[in-house]
Amino acid sequence: MIEPNACALATVGANNRPSNRFVLLKDVDDRGFTWFTNYESKKGNDIATNPFAAMTFWWGPLEKSVRVEGRVEKISAADSDEYFLKRPRGAELGAWSSDQSRPIADQNALKVKYQETEQRFAELETLERPQFWGGYRLIPDRIEFWKGRRSRLHDRIEFMRQEDGSWTTQRLQP
């Protein structure tokens, strides 16, 4: 499956070690880049400790990437609720049944948890969003566009947000 909205999200935890994983970008607007996850996951704990992150989008067939760095904030509960209600039922149940990033005995144990969650909410037509799940927004202060070249003299353009909110641009060497 091709996921053009997949990006590698890098965070740093309390131990000062970087951690990187893929997430699916769900919105981008003038406020920033938004994705959803369990707030108690490794990335959620990292962000609670150090509210800065970087994300990289890679589109290999196009030889293009975009890197984004900045501060991270939780989006509003109302916005998280709105998105949660648009998800397929299976994804909603998955959010309720997974203690993301925590150990589990095996895949069967996870299936059992999912089935128990399915039974727990069987009578409900609509599921409410769990309080431990919601959206984050990366507010960019640096964005770099990269375009590969056969000569290896790749094209790199960097945008940096200034304190007054304006952006400066500069070309970087490969």
N, C-alpha and C. Protein backbone atom coordinates (compact mmCIF):
# COMPACT_ATOMS: atom_id res chain seq x y z
N MET A 1 0.84 -1.17 0.00
CA MET A 1 0.00 0.00 0.00
C MET A 1 0.89 1.24 0.00
N ILE A 2 0.62 2.17 -0.88
CA ILE A 2 1.37 3.41 -0.94
C ILE A 2 0.69 4.41 -0.02
N GLU A 3 1.47 5.02 0.86
CA GLU A 3 0.96 6.01 1.82
C GLU A 3 1.74 7.31 1.64
N PRO A 4 1.35 8.18 0.70
CA PRO A 4 2.12 9.41 0.50
C PRO A 4 2.12 10.32 1.71
N ASN A 5 1.18 10.12 2.64
CA ASN A 5 1.12 10.93 3.85
C ASN A 5 1.90 10.32 5.01
N ALA A 6 2.60 9.20 4.76
CA ALA A 6 3.43 8.60 5.80
C ALA A 6 4.69 9.43 5.98
N CYS A 7 5.06 9.64 7.23
CA CYS A 7 6.29 10.38 7.50
C CYS A 7 6.98 9.76 8.71
N ALA A 8 8.29 9.89 8.72
CA ALA A 8 9.07 9.44 9.87
C ALA A 8 9.05 10.56 10.89
N LEU A 9 8.61 10.25 12.10
CA LEU A 9 8.54 11.22 13.19
C LEU A 9 9.64 10.92 14.19
N ALA A 10 10.48 11.90 14.45
CA ALA A 10 11.58 11.74 15.41
C ALA A 10 11.29 12.57 16.65
N THR A 11 11.45 11.94 17.81
CA THR A 11 11.30 12.60 19.10
C THR A 11 12.52 12.27 19.96
N VAL A 12 12.64 12.96 21.07
CA VAL A 12 13.71 12.68 22.03
C VAL A 12 13.07 12.56 23.40
N GLY A 13 13.36 11.46 24.10
CA GLY A 13 12.76 11.23 25.40
C GLY A 13 13.59 11.78 26.55
N ALA A 14 13.14 11.47 27.76
CA ALA A 14 13.80 11.94 28.98
C ALA A 14 15.24 11.43 29.08
N ASN A 15 15.53 10.31 28.42
CA ASN A 15 16.88 9.74 28.45
C ASN A 15 17.80 10.38 27.41
N ASN A 16 17.30 11.41 26.72
CA ASN A 16 18.04 12.13 25.67
C ASN A 16 18.41 11.28 24.47
N ARG A 17 17.71 10.16 24.29
CA ARG A 17 17.94 9.31 23.12
C ARG A 17 16.86 9.56 22.08
N PRO A 18 17.26 9.73 20.83
CA PRO A 18 16.25 9.93 19.78
C PRO A 18 15.50 8.63 19.49
N SER A 19 14.27 8.80 19.05
CA SER A 19 13.43 7.68 18.65
C SER A 19 12.70 8.09 17.39
N ASN A 20 12.58 7.16 16.45
CA ASN A 20 12.00 7.47 15.15
C ASN A 20 11.00 6.39 14.79
N ARG A 21 9.87 6.79 14.22
CA ARG A 21 8.85 5.85 13.78
C ARG A 21 7.99 6.53 12.72
N PHE A 22 7.23 5.73 11.98
CA PHE A 22 6.36 6.29 10.96
C PHE A 22 4.98 6.57 11.54
N VAL A 23 4.42 7.70 11.14
CA VAL A 23 3.04 8.06 11.47
C VAL A 23 2.38 8.52 10.17
N LEU A 24 1.06 8.62 10.20
CA LEU A 24 0.33 9.09 9.03
C LEU A 24 -0.15 10.52 9.29
N LEU A 25 0.31 11.43 8.47
CA LEU A 25 -0.12 12.82 8.56
C LEU A 25 -1.60 12.88 8.18
N LYS A 26 -2.40 13.54 8.99
CA LYS A 26 -3.84 13.61 8.73
C LYS A 26 -4.32 14.99 8.34
N ASP A 27 -3.51 16.03 8.60
CA ASP A 27 -3.90 17.37 8.21
C ASP A 27 -2.66 18.25 8.18
N VAL A 28 -2.66 19.19 7.28
CA VAL A 28 -1.65 20.25 7.25
C VAL A 28 -2.38 21.53 6.89
N ASP A 29 -2.10 22.57 7.67
CA ASP A 29 -2.68 23.88 7.40
C ASP A 29 -1.70 24.94 7.88
N ASP A 30 -2.13 26.19 7.94
CA ASP A 30 -1.21 27.26 8.31
C ASP A 30 -0.74 27.16 9.76
N ARG A 31 -1.39 26.31 10.56
CA ARG A 31 -0.97 26.12 11.95
C ARG A 31 0.11 25.04 12.08
N GLY A 32 0.13 24.06 11.17
CA GLY A 32 1.14 23.02 11.25
C GLY A 32 0.68 21.69 10.68
N PHE A 33 1.38 20.64 11.12
CA PHE A 33 1.23 19.27 10.61
C PHE A 33 0.62 18.41 11.71
N THR A 34 -0.53 17.76 11.45
CA THR A 34 -1.28 17.04 12.49
C THR A 34 -1.32 15.54 12.24
N TRP A 35 -1.13 14.78 13.32
CA TRP A 35 -1.29 13.32 13.31
C TRP A 35 -1.96 12.92 14.63
N PHE A 36 -2.39 11.66 14.71
CA PHE A 36 -3.12 11.16 15.87
C PHE A 36 -2.46 9.91 16.42
N THR A 37 -2.54 9.75 17.74
CA THR A 37 -1.91 8.60 18.39
C THR A 37 -2.39 8.48 19.82
N ASN A 38 -1.89 7.47 20.49
CA ASN A 38 -2.12 7.27 21.92
C ASN A 38 -1.18 8.21 22.67
N TYR A 39 -1.72 9.06 23.54
CA TYR A 39 -0.90 10.00 24.30
C TYR A 39 0.08 9.29 25.24
N GLU A 40 -0.22 8.05 25.58
CA GLU A 40 0.62 7.29 26.52
C GLU A 40 1.64 6.40 25.80
N SER A 41 1.73 6.52 24.49
CA SER A 41 2.70 5.75 23.71
C SER A 41 4.10 6.32 23.95
N LYS A 42 5.10 5.67 23.39
CA LYS A 42 6.47 6.17 23.53
C LYS A 42 6.58 7.58 22.98
N LYS A 43 6.01 7.81 21.79
CA LYS A 43 6.10 9.15 21.21
C LYS A 43 5.35 10.17 22.06
N GLY A 44 4.22 9.77 22.62
CA GLY A 44 3.47 10.67 23.50
C GLY A 44 4.26 11.02 24.75
N ASN A 45 4.91 10.03 25.34
CA ASN A 45 5.74 10.29 26.53
C ASN A 45 6.95 11.14 26.17
N ASP A 46 7.56 10.88 25.01
CA ASP A 46 8.68 11.71 24.57
C ASP A 46 8.25 13.17 24.43
N ILE A 47 7.12 13.39 23.78
CA ILE A 47 6.63 14.76 23.55
C ILE A 47 6.28 15.45 24.86
N ALA A 48 5.73 14.70 25.82
CA ALA A 48 5.42 15.29 27.13
C ALA A 48 6.69 15.77 27.83
N THR A 49 7.80 15.06 27.60
CA THR A 49 9.08 15.42 28.22
C THR A 49 9.80 16.51 27.44
N ASN A 50 9.77 16.40 26.12
CA ASN A 50 10.50 17.32 25.25
C ASN A 50 9.58 17.66 24.07
N PRO A 51 8.89 18.81 24.10
CA PRO A 51 7.86 19.10 23.10
C PRO A 51 8.39 19.60 21.75
N PHE A 52 9.46 18.97 21.27
CA PHE A 52 10.00 19.29 19.95
C PHE A 52 10.15 18.00 19.17
N ALA A 53 9.96 18.08 17.86
CA ALA A 53 10.06 16.89 17.03
C ALA A 53 10.47 17.28 15.62
N ALA A 54 10.79 16.27 14.84
CA ALA A 54 11.09 16.44 13.42
C ALA A 54 10.36 15.35 12.66
N MET A 55 9.92 15.68 11.46
CA MET A 55 9.30 14.67 10.60
C MET A 55 9.90 14.78 9.21
N THR A 56 10.01 13.63 8.56
CA THR A 56 10.54 13.58 7.20
C THR A 56 9.58 12.79 6.32
N PHE A 57 9.23 13.38 5.21
CA PHE A 57 8.44 12.72 4.18
C PHE A 57 9.40 12.32 3.07
N TRP A 58 9.27 11.08 2.59
CA TRP A 58 10.16 10.58 1.53
C TRP A 58 9.30 10.03 0.42
N TRP A 59 9.50 10.58 -0.78
CA TRP A 59 8.82 10.09 -1.97
C TRP A 59 9.88 9.64 -2.97
N GLY A 60 10.36 8.41 -2.79
CA GLY A 60 11.46 7.86 -3.57
C GLY A 60 11.28 7.95 -5.07
N PRO A 61 10.14 7.51 -5.62
CA PRO A 61 9.99 7.56 -7.08
C PRO A 61 10.13 8.98 -7.65
N LEU A 62 9.85 9.98 -6.84
CA LEU A 62 9.96 11.37 -7.28
C LEU A 62 11.33 11.97 -6.94
N GLU A 63 12.11 11.23 -6.18
CA GLU A 63 13.40 11.73 -5.67
C GLU A 63 13.20 13.06 -4.93
N LYS A 64 12.22 13.08 -4.04
CA LYS A 64 11.92 14.28 -3.26
C LYS A 64 11.70 13.91 -1.81
N SER A 65 12.06 14.85 -0.93
CA SER A 65 11.73 14.71 0.48
C SER A 65 11.46 16.09 1.06
N VAL A 66 10.77 16.08 2.17
CA VAL A 66 10.52 17.30 2.93
C VAL A 66 10.82 16.99 4.38
N ARG A 67 11.63 17.86 5.00
CA ARG A 67 11.94 17.74 6.43
C ARG A 67 11.30 18.92 7.15
N VAL A 68 10.69 18.63 8.30
CA VAL A 68 10.01 19.66 9.08
C VAL A 68 10.46 19.52 10.53
N GLU A 69 10.80 20.63 11.16
CA GLU A 69 11.19 20.63 12.57
C GLU A 69 10.40 21.70 13.30
N GLY A 70 10.10 21.45 14.58
CA GLY A 70 9.41 22.47 15.35
C GLY A 70 8.88 21.97 16.67
N ARG A 71 8.09 22.81 17.28
CA ARG A 71 7.47 22.53 18.58
C ARG A 71 6.18 21.74 18.34
N VAL A 72 5.84 20.87 19.30
CA VAL A 72 4.66 20.03 19.19
C VAL A 72 3.68 20.40 20.31
N GLU A 73 2.40 20.45 19.94
CA GLU A 73 1.35 20.68 20.93
C GLU A 73 0.20 19.71 20.67
N LYS A 74 -0.57 19.41 21.70
CA LYS A 74 -1.80 18.65 21.50
C LYS A 74 -2.81 19.55 20.83
N ILE A 75 -3.61 18.98 19.93
CA ILE A 75 -4.70 19.75 19.36
C ILE A 75 -5.86 19.73 20.36
N SER A 76 -6.90 20.47 20.09
CA SER A 76 -8.02 20.54 21.03
C SER A 76 -8.74 19.20 21.13
N ALA A 77 -9.36 18.99 22.28
CA ALA A 77 -10.15 17.77 22.49
C ALA A 77 -11.28 17.71 21.46
N ALA A 78 -11.89 18.85 21.15
CA ALA A 78 -12.98 18.88 20.17
C ALA A 78 -12.50 18.43 18.79
N ASP A 79 -11.31 18.89 18.39
CA ASP A 79 -10.77 18.47 17.09
C ASP A 79 -10.41 16.99 17.08
N SER A 80 -9.88 16.49 18.21
CA SER A 80 -9.59 15.06 18.31
C SER A 80 -10.87 14.24 18.26
N ASP A 81 -11.92 14.71 18.96
CA ASP A 81 -13.22 14.03 18.93
C ASP A 81 -13.77 13.96 17.51
N GLU A 82 -13.70 15.08 16.81
CA GLU A 82 -14.22 15.15 15.44
C GLU A 82 -13.52 14.15 14.53
N TYR A 83 -12.19 14.07 14.62
CA TYR A 83 -11.46 13.13 13.79
C TYR A 83 -11.78 11.68 14.19
N PHE A 84 -11.82 11.41 15.49
CA PHE A 84 -12.07 10.04 15.96
C PHE A 84 -13.38 9.50 15.39
N LEU A 85 -14.41 10.35 15.34
CA LEU A 85 -15.72 9.92 14.85
C LEU A 85 -15.72 9.60 13.36
N LYS A 86 -14.72 10.06 12.62
CA LYS A 86 -14.62 9.78 11.18
C LYS A 86 -13.88 8.48 10.89
N ARG A 87 -13.25 7.91 11.92
CA ARG A 87 -12.45 6.70 11.70
C ARG A 87 -13.35 5.47 11.52
N PRO A 88 -12.87 4.46 10.81
CA PRO A 88 -13.62 3.21 10.71
C PRO A 88 -13.78 2.58 12.10
N ARG A 89 -14.83 1.86 12.30
CA ARG A 89 -15.11 1.23 13.60
C ARG A 89 -13.91 0.40 14.08
N GLY A 90 -13.29 -0.35 13.21
CA GLY A 90 -12.15 -1.17 13.60
C GLY A 90 -11.00 -0.35 14.15
N ALA A 91 -10.76 0.82 13.55
CA ALA A 91 -9.70 1.71 14.04
C ALA A 91 -10.07 2.29 15.39
N GLU A 92 -11.34 2.60 15.59
CA GLU A 92 -11.78 3.11 16.90
C GLU A 92 -11.59 2.03 17.97
N LEU A 93 -11.98 0.80 17.65
CA LEU A 93 -11.81 -0.30 18.60
C LEU A 93 -10.32 -0.55 18.87
N GLY A 94 -9.51 -0.43 17.83
CA GLY A 94 -8.07 -0.61 18.00
C GLY A 94 -7.49 0.41 18.95
N ALA A 95 -7.94 1.66 18.86
CA ALA A 95 -7.46 2.69 19.78
C ALA A 95 -7.82 2.35 21.22
N TRP A 96 -9.03 1.84 21.42
CA TRP A 96 -9.47 1.47 22.78
C TRP A 96 -8.75 0.23 23.29
N SER A 97 -8.40 -0.70 22.43
CA SER A 97 -7.89 -1.99 22.90
C SER A 97 -6.38 -2.08 23.00
N SER A 98 -5.64 -1.14 22.43
CA SER A 98 -4.18 -1.23 22.44
C SER A 98 -3.55 -0.29 23.45
N ASP A 99 -2.75 -0.83 24.33
CA ASP A 99 -1.91 -0.04 25.22
C ASP A 99 -0.61 0.21 24.47
N GLN A 100 -0.67 1.13 23.51
CA GLN A 100 0.40 1.32 22.53
C GLN A 100 1.77 1.46 23.19
N SER A 101 2.72 0.77 22.62
CA SER A 101 4.14 0.77 23.02
C SER A 101 4.42 -0.07 24.27
N ARG A 102 3.40 -0.70 24.84
CA ARG A 102 3.64 -1.54 26.01
C ARG A 102 3.75 -3.00 25.58
N PRO A 103 4.53 -3.79 26.30
CA PRO A 103 4.70 -5.20 25.93
C PRO A 103 3.39 -5.99 26.03
N ILE A 104 3.31 -7.02 25.20
CA ILE A 104 2.19 -7.97 25.25
C ILE A 104 2.75 -9.34 24.92
N ALA A 105 2.13 -10.37 25.47
CA ALA A 105 2.66 -11.73 25.36
C ALA A 105 2.83 -12.17 23.90
N ASP A 106 1.80 -11.96 23.08
CA ASP A 106 1.87 -12.39 21.69
C ASP A 106 0.71 -11.78 20.92
N GLN A 107 0.67 -12.04 19.62
CA GLN A 107 -0.37 -11.47 18.77
C GLN A 107 -1.76 -11.97 19.19
N ASN A 108 -1.86 -13.20 19.65
CA ASN A 108 -3.14 -13.74 20.09
C ASN A 108 -3.68 -12.96 21.28
N ALA A 109 -2.83 -12.58 22.22
CA ALA A 109 -3.27 -11.80 23.38
C ALA A 109 -3.85 -10.46 22.93
N LEU A 110 -3.25 -9.86 21.91
CA LEU A 110 -3.77 -8.60 21.38
C LEU A 110 -5.13 -8.83 20.72
N LYS A 111 -5.28 -9.94 19.99
CA LYS A 111 -6.57 -10.25 19.38
C LYS A 111 -7.65 -10.46 20.43
N VAL A 112 -7.30 -11.10 21.53
CA VAL A 112 -8.25 -11.30 22.63
C VAL A 112 -8.68 -9.96 23.21
N LYS A 113 -7.72 -9.06 23.43
CA LYS A 113 -8.05 -7.72 23.94
C LYS A 113 -8.99 -6.99 22.98
N TYR A 114 -8.73 -7.12 21.69
CA TYR A 114 -9.56 -6.46 20.69
C TYR A 114 -10.99 -7.04 20.74
N GLN A 115 -11.09 -8.36 20.81
CA GLN A 115 -12.41 -9.01 20.86
C GLN A 115 -13.17 -8.60 22.13
N GLU A 116 -12.47 -8.50 23.25
CA GLU A 116 -13.10 -8.05 24.50
C GLU A 116 -13.61 -6.62 24.36
N THR A 117 -12.83 -5.78 23.70
CA THR A 117 -13.23 -4.39 23.48
C THR A 117 -14.43 -4.33 22.56
N GLU A 118 -14.42 -5.17 21.53
CA GLU A 118 -15.54 -5.25 20.59
C GLU A 118 -16.82 -5.63 21.32
N GLN A 119 -16.74 -6.61 22.21
CA GLN A 119 -17.91 -7.03 22.99
C GLN A 119 -18.36 -5.93 23.96
N ARG A 120 -17.40 -5.26 24.58
CA ARG A 120 -17.70 -4.19 25.54
C ARG A 120 -18.53 -3.08 24.90
N PHE A 121 -18.23 -2.77 23.63
CA PHE A 121 -18.91 -1.66 22.95
C PHE A 121 -19.93 -2.13 21.92
N ALA A 122 -20.29 -3.41 21.94
CA ALA A 122 -21.17 -3.98 20.91
C ALA A 122 -22.52 -3.25 20.81
N GLU A 123 -23.04 -2.79 21.92
CA GLU A 123 -24.36 -2.15 21.92
C GLU A 123 -24.32 -0.68 21.51
N LEU A 124 -23.12 -0.11 21.44
CA LEU A 124 -23.01 1.30 21.11
C LEU A 124 -22.82 1.50 19.61
N GLU A 125 -23.63 2.37 19.04
CA GLU A 125 -23.49 2.67 17.62
C GLU A 125 -22.29 3.59 17.38
N THR A 126 -22.07 4.52 18.31
CA THR A 126 -20.98 5.48 18.21
C THR A 126 -20.07 5.36 19.42
N LEU A 127 -18.78 5.30 19.17
CA LEU A 127 -17.81 5.24 20.27
C LEU A 127 -17.26 6.63 20.56
N GLU A 128 -17.12 6.93 21.83
CA GLU A 128 -16.44 8.17 22.20
C GLU A 128 -14.94 7.94 22.14
N ARG A 129 -14.23 9.01 21.89
CA ARG A 129 -12.77 8.96 21.86
C ARG A 129 -12.24 8.69 23.26
N PRO A 130 -11.29 7.74 23.38
CA PRO A 130 -10.66 7.55 24.69
C PRO A 130 -9.84 8.79 25.07
N GLN A 131 -9.82 9.15 26.32
CA GLN A 131 -9.10 10.34 26.76
C GLN A 131 -7.59 10.22 26.56
N PHE A 132 -7.09 8.99 26.41
CA PHE A 132 -5.65 8.78 26.23
C PHE A 132 -5.24 8.82 24.75
N TRP A 133 -6.15 9.21 23.88
CA TRP A 133 -5.89 9.18 22.44
C TRP A 133 -6.30 10.52 21.83
N GLY A 134 -5.48 11.03 20.91
CA GLY A 134 -5.85 12.27 20.25
C GLY A 134 -4.76 12.77 19.32
N GLY A 135 -4.90 14.02 18.95
CA GLY A 135 -4.01 14.59 17.94
C GLY A 135 -2.92 15.47 18.50
N TYR A 136 -1.84 15.51 17.72
CA TYR A 136 -0.72 16.41 17.96
C TYR A 136 -0.52 17.25 16.71
N ARG A 137 0.01 18.45 16.92
CA ARG A 137 0.36 19.32 15.80
C ARG A 137 1.82 19.74 15.94
N LEU A 138 2.60 19.53 14.90
CA LEU A 138 3.97 20.04 14.86
C LEU A 138 3.89 21.43 14.21
N ILE A 139 4.30 22.43 14.96
CA ILE A 139 4.29 23.82 14.49
C ILE A 139 5.69 24.09 13.95
N PRO A 140 5.82 24.19 12.64
CA PRO A 140 7.17 24.24 12.05
C PRO A 140 7.90 25.56 12.31
N ASP A 141 9.19 25.43 12.56
CA ASP A 141 10.06 26.61 12.55
C ASP A 141 11.18 26.43 11.53
N ARG A 142 11.24 25.22 10.93
CA ARG A 142 12.21 24.93 9.88
C ARG A 142 11.60 23.90 8.94
N ILE A 143 11.66 24.19 7.64
CA ILE A 143 11.19 23.25 6.62
C ILE A 143 12.24 23.21 5.52
N GLU A 144 12.63 22.00 5.13
CA GLU A 144 13.60 21.86 4.04
C GLU A 144 13.02 20.98 2.95
N PHE A 145 13.09 21.47 1.72
CA PHE A 145 12.67 20.72 0.54
C PHE A 145 13.94 20.22 -0.15
N TRP A 146 13.96 18.92 -0.47
CA TRP A 146 15.11 18.28 -1.10
C TRP A 146 14.66 17.65 -2.40
N LYS A 147 15.44 17.86 -3.45
CA LYS A 147 15.18 17.22 -4.75
C LYS A 147 16.47 16.56 -5.21
N GLY A 148 16.42 15.25 -5.41
CA GLY A 148 17.59 14.51 -5.86
C GLY A 148 17.96 14.83 -7.29
N ARG A 149 19.24 14.71 -7.57
CA ARG A 149 19.77 14.91 -8.92
C ARG A 149 20.75 13.78 -9.22
N ARG A 150 20.79 13.32 -10.46
CA ARG A 150 21.72 12.25 -10.85
C ARG A 150 23.16 12.63 -10.57
N SER A 151 23.46 13.90 -10.69
CA SER A 151 24.84 14.36 -10.48
C SER A 151 25.23 14.33 -9.00
N ARG A 152 24.29 14.05 -8.14
CA ARG A 152 24.46 14.09 -6.67
C ARG A 152 24.56 15.52 -6.16
N LEU A 153 24.40 16.50 -7.05
CA LEU A 153 24.34 17.90 -6.63
C LEU A 153 22.86 18.23 -6.37
N HIS A 154 22.34 17.62 -5.32
CA HIS A 154 20.92 17.72 -4.99
C HIS A 154 20.53 19.17 -4.71
N ASP A 155 19.26 19.46 -4.92
CA ASP A 155 18.74 20.79 -4.68
C ASP A 155 18.08 20.82 -3.31
N ARG A 156 18.52 21.74 -2.46
CA ARG A 156 17.98 21.86 -1.11
C ARG A 156 17.61 23.32 -0.84
N ILE A 157 16.37 23.52 -0.43
CA ILE A 157 15.89 24.86 -0.09
C ILE A 157 15.37 24.79 1.35
N GLU A 158 15.87 25.69 2.19
CA GLU A 158 15.48 25.71 3.60
C GLU A 158 14.69 26.98 3.91
N PHE A 159 13.59 26.81 4.63
CA PHE A 159 12.78 27.92 5.12
C PHE A 159 12.89 27.93 6.65
N MET A 160 13.20 29.08 7.22
CA MET A 160 13.35 29.24 8.67
C MET A 160 12.38 30.32 9.15
N ARG A 161 11.56 29.97 10.16
CA ARG A 161 10.63 30.96 10.72
C ARG A 161 11.39 31.90 11.65
N GLN A 162 11.14 33.18 11.48
CA GLN A 162 11.78 34.20 12.31
C GLN A 162 10.88 34.52 13.51
N GLU A 163 11.41 35.20 14.48
CA GLU A 163 10.65 35.53 15.69
C GLU A 163 9.40 36.33 15.39
N ASP A 164 9.41 37.15 14.33
CA ASP A 164 8.24 37.95 13.98
C ASP A 164 7.21 37.14 13.17
N GLY A 165 7.48 35.86 12.94
CA GLY A 165 6.57 34.99 12.20
C GLY A 165 6.85 34.91 10.72
N SER A 166 7.70 35.77 10.21
CA SER A 166 8.05 35.71 8.80
C SER A 166 9.02 34.55 8.55
N TRP A 167 9.23 34.23 7.29
CA TRP A 167 10.10 33.13 6.90
C TRP A 167 11.26 33.66 6.06
N THR A 168 12.45 33.13 6.31
CA THR A 168 13.58 33.40 5.43
C THR A 168 13.86 32.12 4.65
N THR A 169 14.50 32.29 3.51
CA THR A 169 14.80 31.17 2.63
C THR A 169 16.27 31.20 2.26
N GLN A 170 16.85 30.01 2.20
CA GLN A 170 18.22 29.93 1.70
C GLN A 170 18.42 28.57 1.03
N ARG A 171 19.32 28.56 0.06
CA ARG A 171 19.68 27.32 -0.61
C ARG A 171 20.83 26.70 0.16
N LEU A 172 20.80 25.38 0.34
CA LEU A 172 21.85 24.65 1.04
C LEU A 172 22.62 23.78 0.06
N GLN A 173 23.89 23.58 0.33
CA GLN A 173 24.67 22.68 -0.48
C GLN A 173 24.29 21.23 -0.15
N PRO A 174 24.43 20.35 -1.15
CA PRO A 174 24.05 18.95 -0.90
C PRO A 174 24.95 18.28 0.11
